[in-house]
Amino acid sequence: MATKILLDKIDIPGIKSYEVYRQNGGYASVEKALKTMTPDDVTEQVKASGLRGRGGAGFPVGLKWSFIDKKSGKPRHLVCNADESEPGTFKDRYLMEHIPHLLIEGMITASYALGANLSYIYIRGEYMWVFKTLERAIKEAYAAGWLGKNILGSGFDLDLHVHCGAGAYICGEETALIESLEGKRGNPRIKPPFPAVSGLWGNPTVVNNVESISNVPWIVMNSGEDYSKLGLGRSAGTKLISASGHIRKPGVYEIEMGITVDEFINSDEYCGGMMDDRPLKALVPGGSSVPILPAHLIYKTANGEDRLMTYESLSDGGFETGSMLGSGGFIVYNDTACIVRNTWNFARFYAHESCGQCSPCREGTGWLEKVLYRIETGQGTMDDIDLLWNIQSNIEGNTICPLGDAAAWPVAAALRHFREEFEYHVLYPEKVKDRNHFVKEPFENVKHLINK
């Protein structure tokens, strides 16, 4: 069995409550940090761990902490990004719902390292029941003396609040999140200045994801070196994966990075293989914003090496033959899936969620959705396929935040690897008007019709 850091205690009855969490070693990292370590000691352990941001970008967490401005004398803040809105991703919800004190413990220890006395958890608006769970857990932590003034007699003060967003995907981008937390419209800011210098209310701020912060207690209680020994190379530690789609056992899994994609999909320990034993057709390995991979590039890289569950291996070959680990939203498709419909569905999401600040994204995401809808419903032309490529290329790299890229990349990858399916939709409009067309006739069975 793989090492578990985050899910090790999640099945203990009552672990959601403070009493049970404390009885099972909870808040020990706060005790150790405040009584035996300086804030810089904690930061150095996180840097030594090699922990990378688990929200999608994969930036080293300890390095990010080291950027925070400690010279200005301004108040500092830690903000937890719990605005988990990436389609296909639900791991942070699972953590907060079932073991909320783990995140709170991580917030206290990380806030101590950063010298932050006022910190926030910004949670997705649709997670109202999780919001209430966190609120209860924070009250318990205050009552037990883990939050408030002079924690454990150390002289360190911390107030922690949960702020509920209004259901905007764009607020998962750190500067848009900060704008929303300040009570403004959630539009991304131009950087620089970066939040580490001028973030919440113009103060130095670090924004980290739920999973990232929840790793901090284990690192402090063991060591950064011990954490770095888990995983593989620069993909250190464990990773939560939200697995869904045409697999036998969808759910949240904690893997030690470095296992093969084949093992993750097909072993009984994880996804349990393909539903109904149908052939694997495609994979979105890191949430809706990352490039989709066709079957021949899922288990093996273009060089014929085993594809591993690491940042490096999943991106091997660049976007031509690779993808990204991203947020770990692992969506598996069998041969009954329609890639055109899937791409249109993602495009609908990004068109709806664009904040509208940047013209390429505001206009381009809408056009992607409209053109994909035409093709999906049997109204498209061959020129529309080329138009899609043109639109996505004019969005990528031309916006303030990565939402434009997130909308463009899935379209580009779908065209790159599954262009024949788009052509089939154009050539046989009557067939594709039946929503279950590939359920009745998988594409491999009708592929020959394109060349007739």
Protein backbone atom coordinates (compact mmCIF):
# COMPACT_ATOMS: atom_id res chain seq x y z
CA MET A 1 0.00 0.00 0.00
CA ALA A 2 1.19 3.51 -0.81
CA THR A 3 2.20 5.96 1.91
CA LYS A 4 -0.69 8.16 2.96
CA ILE A 5 -0.19 11.60 4.40
CA LEU A 6 -3.52 13.35 3.87
CA LEU A 7 -5.97 10.45 3.91
CA ASP A 8 -4.22 8.36 6.57
CA LYS A 9 -6.76 9.18 9.31
CA ILE A 10 -9.77 10.13 7.23
CA ASP A 11 -11.67 6.89 7.92
CA ILE A 12 -11.37 7.13 11.72
CA PRO A 13 -14.93 7.42 13.12
CA GLY A 14 -15.60 10.96 14.33
CA ILE A 15 -12.36 12.43 12.91
CA LYS A 16 -14.36 15.48 11.82
CA SER A 17 -14.70 16.51 15.48
CA TYR A 18 -11.97 18.26 17.46
CA GLU A 19 -11.88 15.68 20.26
CA VAL A 20 -11.23 12.72 17.96
CA TYR A 21 -8.81 14.67 15.77
CA ARG A 22 -6.82 15.75 18.82
CA GLN A 23 -6.78 12.21 20.26
CA ASN A 24 -5.21 11.04 17.00
CA GLY A 25 -2.29 13.45 17.03
CA GLY A 26 -4.05 16.54 15.74
CA TYR A 27 -2.46 19.98 16.23
CA ALA A 28 0.88 18.42 17.20
CA SER A 29 2.59 20.36 14.40
CA VAL A 30 1.36 23.63 15.92
CA GLU A 31 2.84 22.63 19.28
CA LYS A 32 6.14 21.65 17.72
CA ALA A 33 6.40 24.75 15.55
CA LEU A 34 5.46 27.28 18.23
CA LYS A 35 7.53 25.68 21.01
CA THR A 36 10.66 24.44 19.21
CA MET A 37 10.94 26.17 15.81
CA THR A 38 11.30 29.67 14.46
CA PRO A 39 9.10 30.80 11.57
CA ASP A 40 12.10 30.53 9.26
CA ASP A 41 12.71 26.96 10.46
CA VAL A 42 9.22 25.98 9.31
CA THR A 43 9.72 27.66 5.94
CA GLU A 44 13.04 25.89 5.45
CA GLN A 45 11.45 22.51 6.15
CA VAL A 46 8.74 23.17 3.57
CA LYS A 47 11.39 24.29 1.06
CA ALA A 48 13.42 21.14 1.75
CA SER A 49 10.34 18.97 1.23
CA GLY A 50 10.03 19.87 -2.45
CA LEU A 51 6.27 20.28 -1.97
CA ARG A 52 4.77 21.89 -5.07
CA GLY A 53 1.48 23.76 -5.23
CA ARG A 54 -1.36 21.27 -5.57
CA GLY A 55 -3.84 23.70 -7.11
CA GLY A 56 -2.55 23.14 -10.63
CA ALA A 57 0.49 25.32 -11.23
CA GLY A 58 2.94 23.13 -9.32
CA PHE A 59 5.09 26.04 -8.07
CA PRO A 60 7.33 25.14 -5.06
CA VAL A 61 5.42 26.10 -1.91
CA GLY A 62 8.42 26.89 0.30
CA LEU A 63 9.93 29.09 -2.39
CA LYS A 64 6.64 30.98 -2.68
CA TRP A 65 6.64 31.55 1.07
CA SER A 66 10.19 32.90 0.94
CA PHE A 67 9.09 35.67 -1.42
CA ILE A 68 6.77 37.30 1.12
CA ASP A 69 7.79 40.85 2.01
CA LYS A 70 8.97 40.89 5.63
CA LYS A 71 10.74 44.25 5.48
CA SER A 72 7.88 46.66 4.85
CA GLY A 73 6.41 46.27 8.32
CA LYS A 74 2.94 45.75 6.85
CA PRO A 75 0.62 43.03 8.19
CA ARG A 76 0.94 39.72 6.36
CA HIS A 77 -1.79 37.30 5.37
CA LEU A 78 -2.18 33.67 4.38
CA VAL A 79 -5.17 32.95 2.16
CA CYS A 80 -6.24 29.39 1.45
CA ASN A 81 -7.66 28.94 -2.01
CA ALA A 82 -10.59 26.58 -1.44
CA ASP A 83 -12.42 27.81 -4.53
CA GLU A 84 -12.26 24.38 -6.14
CA SER A 85 -14.15 24.95 -9.40
CA GLU A 86 -12.15 23.05 -12.02
CA PRO A 87 -14.47 20.55 -13.76
CA GLY A 88 -13.35 17.05 -12.85
CA THR A 89 -11.70 18.08 -9.56
CA PHE A 90 -13.20 17.39 -6.12
CA LYS A 91 -10.29 16.42 -3.85
CA ASP A 92 -10.22 19.59 -1.72
CA ARG A 93 -13.93 19.24 -0.99
CA TYR A 94 -13.24 15.70 0.22
CA LEU A 95 -10.54 16.86 2.62
CA MET A 96 -12.52 19.77 4.04
CA GLU A 97 -15.70 17.75 4.37
CA HIS A 98 -14.20 14.75 6.16
CA ILE A 99 -11.15 16.06 8.09
CA PRO A 100 -11.52 19.86 8.40
CA HIS A 101 -9.12 20.21 11.33
CA LEU A 102 -6.23 19.06 9.13
CA LEU A 103 -6.60 22.18 7.00
CA ILE A 104 -7.02 24.40 10.06
CA GLU A 105 -3.88 22.92 11.65
CA GLY A 106 -2.00 23.56 8.41
CA MET A 107 -3.31 27.14 8.29
CA ILE A 108 -2.05 27.85 11.83
CA THR A 109 1.40 26.36 11.25
CA ALA A 110 1.79 28.04 7.85
CA SER A 111 0.56 31.39 9.21
CA TYR A 112 3.17 31.16 11.95
CA ALA A 113 5.88 30.56 9.34
CA LEU A 114 4.75 33.60 7.36
CA GLY A 115 4.19 35.87 10.35
CA ALA A 116 0.52 36.23 9.42
CA ASN A 117 -1.89 37.17 12.21
CA LEU A 118 -5.03 37.34 10.07
CA SER A 119 -5.71 34.53 7.61
CA TYR A 120 -8.60 33.42 5.46
CA ILE A 121 -10.05 30.33 3.82
CA TYR A 122 -11.81 31.43 0.62
CA ILE A 123 -14.26 28.67 -0.22
CA ARG A 124 -16.31 28.00 -3.32
CA GLY A 125 -19.86 29.34 -3.02
CA GLU A 126 -21.42 26.01 -3.99
CA TYR A 127 -19.70 24.25 -1.05
CA MET A 128 -22.14 25.65 1.53
CA TRP A 129 -22.30 22.46 3.62
CA VAL A 130 -18.48 22.36 3.68
CA PHE A 131 -18.45 26.04 4.65
CA LYS A 132 -20.57 25.18 7.69
CA THR A 133 -18.31 22.23 8.53
CA LEU A 134 -15.26 24.52 8.52
CA GLU A 135 -17.07 27.15 10.58
CA ARG A 136 -17.83 24.56 13.27
CA ALA A 137 -14.25 23.29 13.25
CA ILE A 138 -12.82 26.80 13.57
CA LYS A 139 -15.07 27.49 16.58
CA GLU A 140 -13.77 24.29 18.16
CA ALA A 141 -10.17 25.38 17.49
CA TYR A 142 -10.82 28.78 19.09
CA ALA A 143 -12.43 27.13 22.12
CA ALA A 144 -9.42 24.83 22.54
CA GLY A 145 -6.94 27.70 22.36
CA TRP A 146 -5.43 26.96 18.96
CA LEU A 147 -6.69 30.25 17.52
CA GLY A 148 -6.88 33.72 19.00
CA LYS A 149 -4.42 35.58 21.20
CA ASN A 150 -1.12 34.25 22.48
CA ILE A 151 -1.51 30.68 21.20
CA LEU A 152 0.14 28.20 23.61
CA GLY A 153 1.74 31.16 25.41
CA SER A 154 4.02 31.69 22.42
CA GLY A 155 3.11 35.30 21.78
CA PHE A 156 1.77 34.36 18.35
CA ASP A 157 -1.75 35.57 17.56
CA LEU A 158 -3.94 34.32 14.74
CA ASP A 159 -7.50 34.99 13.68
CA LEU A 160 -8.88 32.71 10.98
CA HIS A 161 -12.04 33.28 8.95
CA VAL A 162 -13.89 31.41 6.22
CA HIS A 163 -15.14 33.59 3.36
CA CYS A 164 -17.74 32.15 1.02
CA GLY A 165 -17.43 33.14 -2.64
CA ALA A 166 -20.35 33.70 -4.99
CA GLY A 167 -19.68 30.85 -7.40
CA ALA A 168 -17.14 32.26 -9.86
CA TYR A 169 -14.47 30.00 -11.36
CA ILE A 170 -12.29 33.03 -12.07
CA CYS A 171 -11.86 33.52 -8.31
CA GLY A 172 -9.67 30.43 -8.27
CA GLU A 173 -7.01 32.71 -9.79
CA GLU A 174 -5.16 34.16 -6.82
CA THR A 175 -5.46 37.86 -7.62
CA ALA A 176 -9.14 37.57 -8.59
CA LEU A 177 -9.66 35.73 -5.30
CA ILE A 178 -8.02 38.61 -3.45
CA GLU A 179 -10.19 41.15 -5.28
CA SER A 180 -13.30 39.19 -4.29
CA LEU A 181 -12.12 38.87 -0.68
CA GLU A 182 -11.79 42.65 -0.60
CA GLY A 183 -15.45 42.93 -1.65
CA LYS A 184 -14.82 43.83 -5.26
CA ARG A 185 -15.63 42.16 -8.57
CA GLY A 186 -13.43 39.09 -9.01
CA ASN A 187 -11.25 40.32 -11.86
CA PRO A 188 -7.61 39.22 -12.03
CA ARG A 189 -4.97 41.86 -11.40
CA ILE A 190 -2.05 42.61 -13.67
CA LYS A 191 1.20 41.33 -12.16
CA PRO A 192 3.56 42.66 -10.94
CA PRO A 193 3.11 43.58 -8.17
CA PHE A 194 2.73 40.01 -7.01
CA PRO A 195 0.64 39.17 -3.92
CA ALA A 196 3.77 38.39 -1.91
CA VAL A 197 4.50 42.14 -2.07
CA SER A 198 1.05 43.67 -2.49
CA GLY A 199 -1.87 41.32 -2.01
CA LEU A 200 -4.87 41.51 0.29
CA TRP A 201 -5.53 45.20 1.07
CA GLY A 202 -2.11 45.98 -0.36
CA ASN A 203 -0.38 43.82 2.26
CA PRO A 204 2.08 40.96 1.63
CA THR A 205 0.00 37.83 1.02
CA VAL A 206 0.55 34.16 0.21
CA VAL A 207 -2.23 32.21 -1.50
CA ASN A 208 -2.01 28.41 -1.29
CA ASN A 209 -4.38 25.60 -2.20
CA VAL A 210 -6.17 23.38 0.36
CA GLU A 211 -4.13 20.29 -0.44
CA SER A 212 -0.86 22.21 -0.31
CA ILE A 213 -1.55 23.63 3.17
CA SER A 214 -2.83 20.30 4.46
CA ASN A 215 0.60 18.75 3.80
CA VAL A 216 2.35 21.19 6.15
CA PRO A 217 1.55 19.41 9.45
CA TRP A 218 3.12 16.14 8.25
CA ILE A 219 6.21 17.94 6.98
CA VAL A 220 6.70 19.76 10.29
CA MET A 221 6.12 16.62 12.38
CA ASN A 222 8.51 14.53 10.30
CA SER A 223 10.86 16.60 8.15
CA GLY A 224 11.16 18.18 4.75
CA GLU A 225 13.80 15.58 3.93
CA ASP A 226 11.44 12.72 4.77
CA TYR A 227 8.76 14.21 2.53
CA SER A 228 11.21 14.69 -0.33
CA LYS A 229 12.06 10.97 -0.23
CA LEU A 230 8.48 10.17 -1.20
CA GLY A 231 7.48 10.46 -4.83
CA LEU A 232 9.93 10.75 -7.67
CA GLY A 233 12.51 13.49 -8.26
CA ARG A 234 10.96 16.94 -8.48
CA SER A 235 7.52 15.38 -8.09
CA ALA A 236 7.98 14.84 -4.37
CA GLY A 237 5.45 13.50 -1.92
CA THR A 238 1.94 12.25 -2.45
CA LYS A 239 -0.86 13.68 -4.58
CA LEU A 240 -4.62 13.56 -4.28
CA ILE A 241 -6.30 12.51 -7.51
CA SER A 242 -9.99 13.07 -8.28
CA ALA A 243 -10.77 10.10 -10.52
CA SER A 244 -13.96 10.01 -12.58
CA GLY A 245 -15.35 8.86 -15.90
CA HIS A 246 -15.59 5.36 -17.36
CA ILE A 247 -13.77 3.56 -14.53
CA ARG A 248 -15.04 0.96 -12.08
CA LYS A 249 -14.07 2.86 -8.90
CA PRO A 250 -14.35 6.64 -9.19
CA GLY A 251 -13.30 8.62 -6.12
CA VAL A 252 -10.47 10.48 -4.40
CA TYR A 253 -7.17 8.61 -4.17
CA GLU A 254 -3.86 9.51 -2.55
CA ILE A 255 -0.97 8.24 -4.64
CA GLU A 256 2.75 8.39 -4.11
CA MET A 257 3.88 10.21 -7.22
CA GLY A 258 5.82 8.03 -9.61
CA ILE A 259 3.39 5.14 -10.06
CA THR A 260 2.45 4.43 -13.66
CA VAL A 261 -0.77 5.69 -15.22
CA ASP A 262 -1.46 2.06 -16.14
CA GLU A 263 -1.32 1.02 -12.49
CA PHE A 264 -3.53 3.91 -11.41
CA ILE A 265 -6.25 3.15 -13.94
CA ASN A 266 -6.18 -0.64 -13.84
CA SER A 267 -5.12 -1.79 -10.37
CA ASP A 268 -7.69 -2.80 -7.76
CA GLU A 269 -6.03 -0.44 -5.26
CA TYR A 270 -7.08 2.56 -7.34
CA CYS A 271 -9.56 2.89 -10.24
CA GLY A 272 -10.13 -0.83 -10.78
CA GLY A 273 -9.94 -0.81 -14.58
CA MET A 274 -12.32 0.29 -17.29
CA MET A 275 -16.07 0.18 -16.77
CA ASP A 276 -17.69 -2.71 -18.66
CA ASP A 277 -14.20 -3.65 -19.94
CA ARG A 278 -14.60 -1.28 -22.86
CA PRO A 279 -11.45 0.08 -24.60
CA LEU A 280 -9.73 3.19 -23.24
CA LYS A 281 -10.14 6.06 -25.68
CA ALA A 282 -8.91 9.25 -24.03
CA LEU A 283 -7.75 10.80 -20.77
CA VAL A 284 -7.88 14.27 -19.26
CA PRO A 285 -5.29 13.85 -16.48
CA GLY A 286 -5.42 17.17 -14.64
CA GLY A 287 -8.85 18.78 -14.84
CA SER A 288 -10.76 20.31 -17.75
CA SER A 289 -8.11 22.92 -18.58
CA VAL A 290 -5.32 20.49 -19.53
CA PRO A 291 -4.85 18.87 -22.97
CA ILE A 292 -6.67 15.61 -23.61
CA LEU A 293 -4.55 12.55 -24.47
CA PRO A 294 -5.52 9.82 -26.97
CA ALA A 295 -5.24 6.14 -26.03
CA HIS A 296 -1.79 5.54 -27.53
CA LEU A 297 -0.24 8.35 -25.45
CA ILE A 298 -1.81 7.47 -22.10
CA TYR A 299 0.16 4.47 -20.87
CA LYS A 300 3.30 5.31 -22.86
CA THR A 301 5.00 8.57 -23.81
CA ALA A 302 5.83 9.31 -27.45
CA ASN A 303 9.31 7.90 -26.69
CA GLY A 304 7.84 4.59 -25.58
CA GLU A 305 8.55 5.09 -21.88
CA ASP A 306 5.97 4.30 -19.20
CA ARG A 307 3.77 7.32 -18.53
CA LEU A 308 4.05 8.10 -14.82
CA MET A 309 1.82 10.03 -12.43
CA THR A 310 4.29 12.90 -12.06
CA TYR A 311 4.46 16.50 -13.23
CA GLU A 312 7.32 15.68 -15.56
CA SER A 313 6.08 12.47 -17.15
CA LEU A 314 2.56 13.69 -17.84
CA SER A 315 3.98 16.76 -19.57
CA ASP A 316 6.59 14.76 -21.49
CA GLY A 317 6.56 15.79 -25.14
CA GLY A 318 4.95 19.15 -24.46
CA PHE A 319 1.42 19.71 -25.70
CA GLU A 320 2.17 17.84 -28.93
CA THR A 321 2.24 14.46 -27.18
CA GLY A 322 1.80 15.27 -23.48
CA SER A 323 -0.50 17.03 -21.06
CA MET A 324 -0.30 18.24 -17.43
CA LEU A 325 -0.89 16.85 -13.93
CA GLY A 326 -2.71 20.11 -13.13
CA SER A 327 -5.14 19.86 -10.24
CA GLY A 328 -5.35 16.07 -10.51
CA GLY A 329 -8.83 15.97 -12.04
CA PHE A 330 -8.39 12.59 -13.73
CA ILE A 331 -11.21 12.00 -16.27
CA VAL A 332 -11.18 8.68 -18.15
CA TYR A 333 -13.11 8.07 -21.39
CA ASN A 334 -13.94 4.79 -23.11
CA ASP A 335 -14.75 4.27 -26.78
CA THR A 336 -18.38 5.39 -26.41
CA ALA A 337 -17.33 8.97 -25.56
CA CYS A 338 -17.76 11.75 -28.11
CA ILE A 339 -14.72 14.02 -28.00
CA VAL A 340 -16.52 16.79 -29.88
CA ARG A 341 -19.33 16.87 -27.33
CA ASN A 342 -16.85 16.72 -24.47
CA THR A 343 -14.86 19.64 -25.91
CA TRP A 344 -18.02 21.66 -26.48
CA ASN A 345 -19.09 21.00 -22.89
CA PHE A 346 -15.77 22.32 -21.56
CA ALA A 347 -16.01 25.32 -23.90
CA ARG A 348 -19.49 26.14 -22.58
CA PHE A 349 -18.04 26.25 -19.09
CA TYR A 350 -15.20 28.61 -19.98
CA ALA A 351 -17.45 30.89 -22.02
CA HIS A 352 -19.76 31.17 -19.01
CA GLU A 353 -16.95 31.70 -16.50
CA SER A 354 -14.84 34.27 -18.38
CA CYS A 355 -14.79 37.48 -16.35
CA GLY A 356 -14.82 39.51 -19.57
CA GLN A 357 -11.86 41.70 -18.68
CA CYS A 358 -9.68 40.64 -21.63
CA SER A 359 -11.08 40.86 -25.17
CA PRO A 360 -9.43 37.65 -26.51
CA CYS A 361 -11.01 35.62 -23.71
CA ARG A 362 -14.32 37.48 -23.54
CA GLU A 363 -14.95 37.16 -27.28
CA GLY A 364 -12.93 34.05 -28.04
CA THR A 365 -14.47 31.72 -25.47
CA GLY A 366 -17.92 32.60 -26.77
CA TRP A 367 -16.89 31.89 -30.35
CA LEU A 368 -15.33 28.56 -29.39
CA GLU A 369 -18.58 27.52 -27.73
CA LYS A 370 -20.71 28.59 -30.72
CA VAL A 371 -18.57 26.91 -33.36
CA LEU A 372 -18.24 23.71 -31.35
CA TYR A 373 -22.01 23.66 -30.88
CA ARG A 374 -22.48 23.93 -34.64
CA ILE A 375 -20.19 20.98 -35.26
CA GLU A 376 -21.63 18.89 -32.42
CA THR A 377 -25.20 19.34 -33.64
CA GLY A 378 -24.44 18.47 -37.26
CA GLN A 379 -24.49 22.06 -38.58
CA GLY A 380 -20.74 22.55 -38.99
CA THR A 381 -18.47 22.79 -42.02
CA MET A 382 -14.87 21.81 -42.66
CA ASP A 383 -13.99 25.50 -42.48
CA ASP A 384 -15.34 25.54 -38.92
CA ILE A 385 -12.66 23.06 -37.88
CA ASP A 386 -9.94 25.39 -39.14
CA LEU A 387 -11.77 28.32 -37.55
CA LEU A 388 -11.60 26.63 -34.16
CA TRP A 389 -7.85 26.30 -34.47
CA ASN A 390 -7.56 29.95 -35.41
CA ILE A 391 -9.72 31.14 -32.51
CA GLN A 392 -7.92 29.15 -29.82
CA SER A 393 -4.51 30.28 -31.08
CA ASN A 394 -5.62 33.91 -30.78
CA ILE A 395 -6.68 33.37 -27.17
CA GLU A 396 -3.67 31.48 -25.82
CA GLY A 397 -1.07 33.73 -24.22
CA ASN A 398 -3.03 36.92 -24.80
CA THR A 399 -4.87 37.34 -21.51
CA ILE A 400 -4.07 38.66 -18.02
CA CYS A 401 -4.80 35.34 -16.30
CA PRO A 402 -4.65 31.69 -17.39
CA LEU A 403 -8.41 31.27 -17.95
CA GLY A 404 -7.93 32.05 -21.64
CA ASP A 405 -5.24 29.39 -21.89
CA ALA A 406 -7.49 26.96 -19.99
CA ALA A 407 -10.19 27.48 -22.61
CA ALA A 408 -7.82 27.21 -25.58
CA TRP A 409 -5.73 24.17 -24.62
CA PRO A 410 -8.54 21.56 -24.57
CA VAL A 411 -9.72 22.68 -28.00
CA ALA A 412 -6.22 22.60 -29.48
CA ALA A 413 -5.54 19.12 -28.08
CA ALA A 414 -8.89 17.76 -29.27
CA LEU A 415 -8.18 19.02 -32.79
CA ARG A 416 -4.62 17.75 -32.68
CA HIS A 417 -5.49 14.21 -31.63
CA PHE A 418 -9.10 13.72 -32.70
CA ARG A 419 -9.52 15.80 -35.85
CA GLU A 420 -11.12 12.87 -37.67
CA GLU A 421 -14.00 12.90 -35.20
CA PHE A 422 -14.65 16.54 -36.01
CA GLU A 423 -14.62 15.69 -39.71
CA TYR A 424 -17.04 12.83 -39.08
CA HIS A 425 -19.45 15.27 -37.43
CA VAL A 426 -19.31 17.48 -40.52
CA LEU A 427 -19.65 14.65 -43.05
CA TYR A 428 -22.42 12.71 -41.29
CA PRO A 429 -24.66 15.29 -39.61
CA GLU A 430 -27.67 13.01 -39.39
CA LYS A 431 -25.73 10.37 -37.47
CA VAL A 432 -24.33 12.78 -34.87
CA LYS A 433 -27.71 14.35 -34.15
CA ASP A 434 -28.37 11.18 -32.14
CA ARG A 435 -26.76 11.95 -28.79
CA ASN A 436 -25.78 8.30 -28.34
CA HIS A 437 -24.19 7.93 -31.76
CA PHE A 438 -20.85 6.62 -30.46
CA VAL A 439 -22.58 4.46 -27.87
CA LYS A 440 -24.33 2.65 -30.72
CA GLU A 441 -21.37 2.82 -33.10
CA PRO A 442 -17.98 3.66 -31.52
CA PHE A 443 -15.86 5.90 -33.70
CA GLU A 444 -13.38 3.14 -34.49
CA ASN A 445 -16.24 1.24 -36.17
CA VAL A 446 -17.22 4.15 -38.44
CA LYS A 447 -13.82 5.77 -38.92
CA HIS A 448 -13.48 4.24 -42.39
CA LEU A 449 -16.42 6.33 -43.63
CA ILE A 450 -14.36 9.52 -43.51
CA ASN A 451 -12.11 8.44 -46.37
CA LYS A 452 -14.90 7.27 -48.64
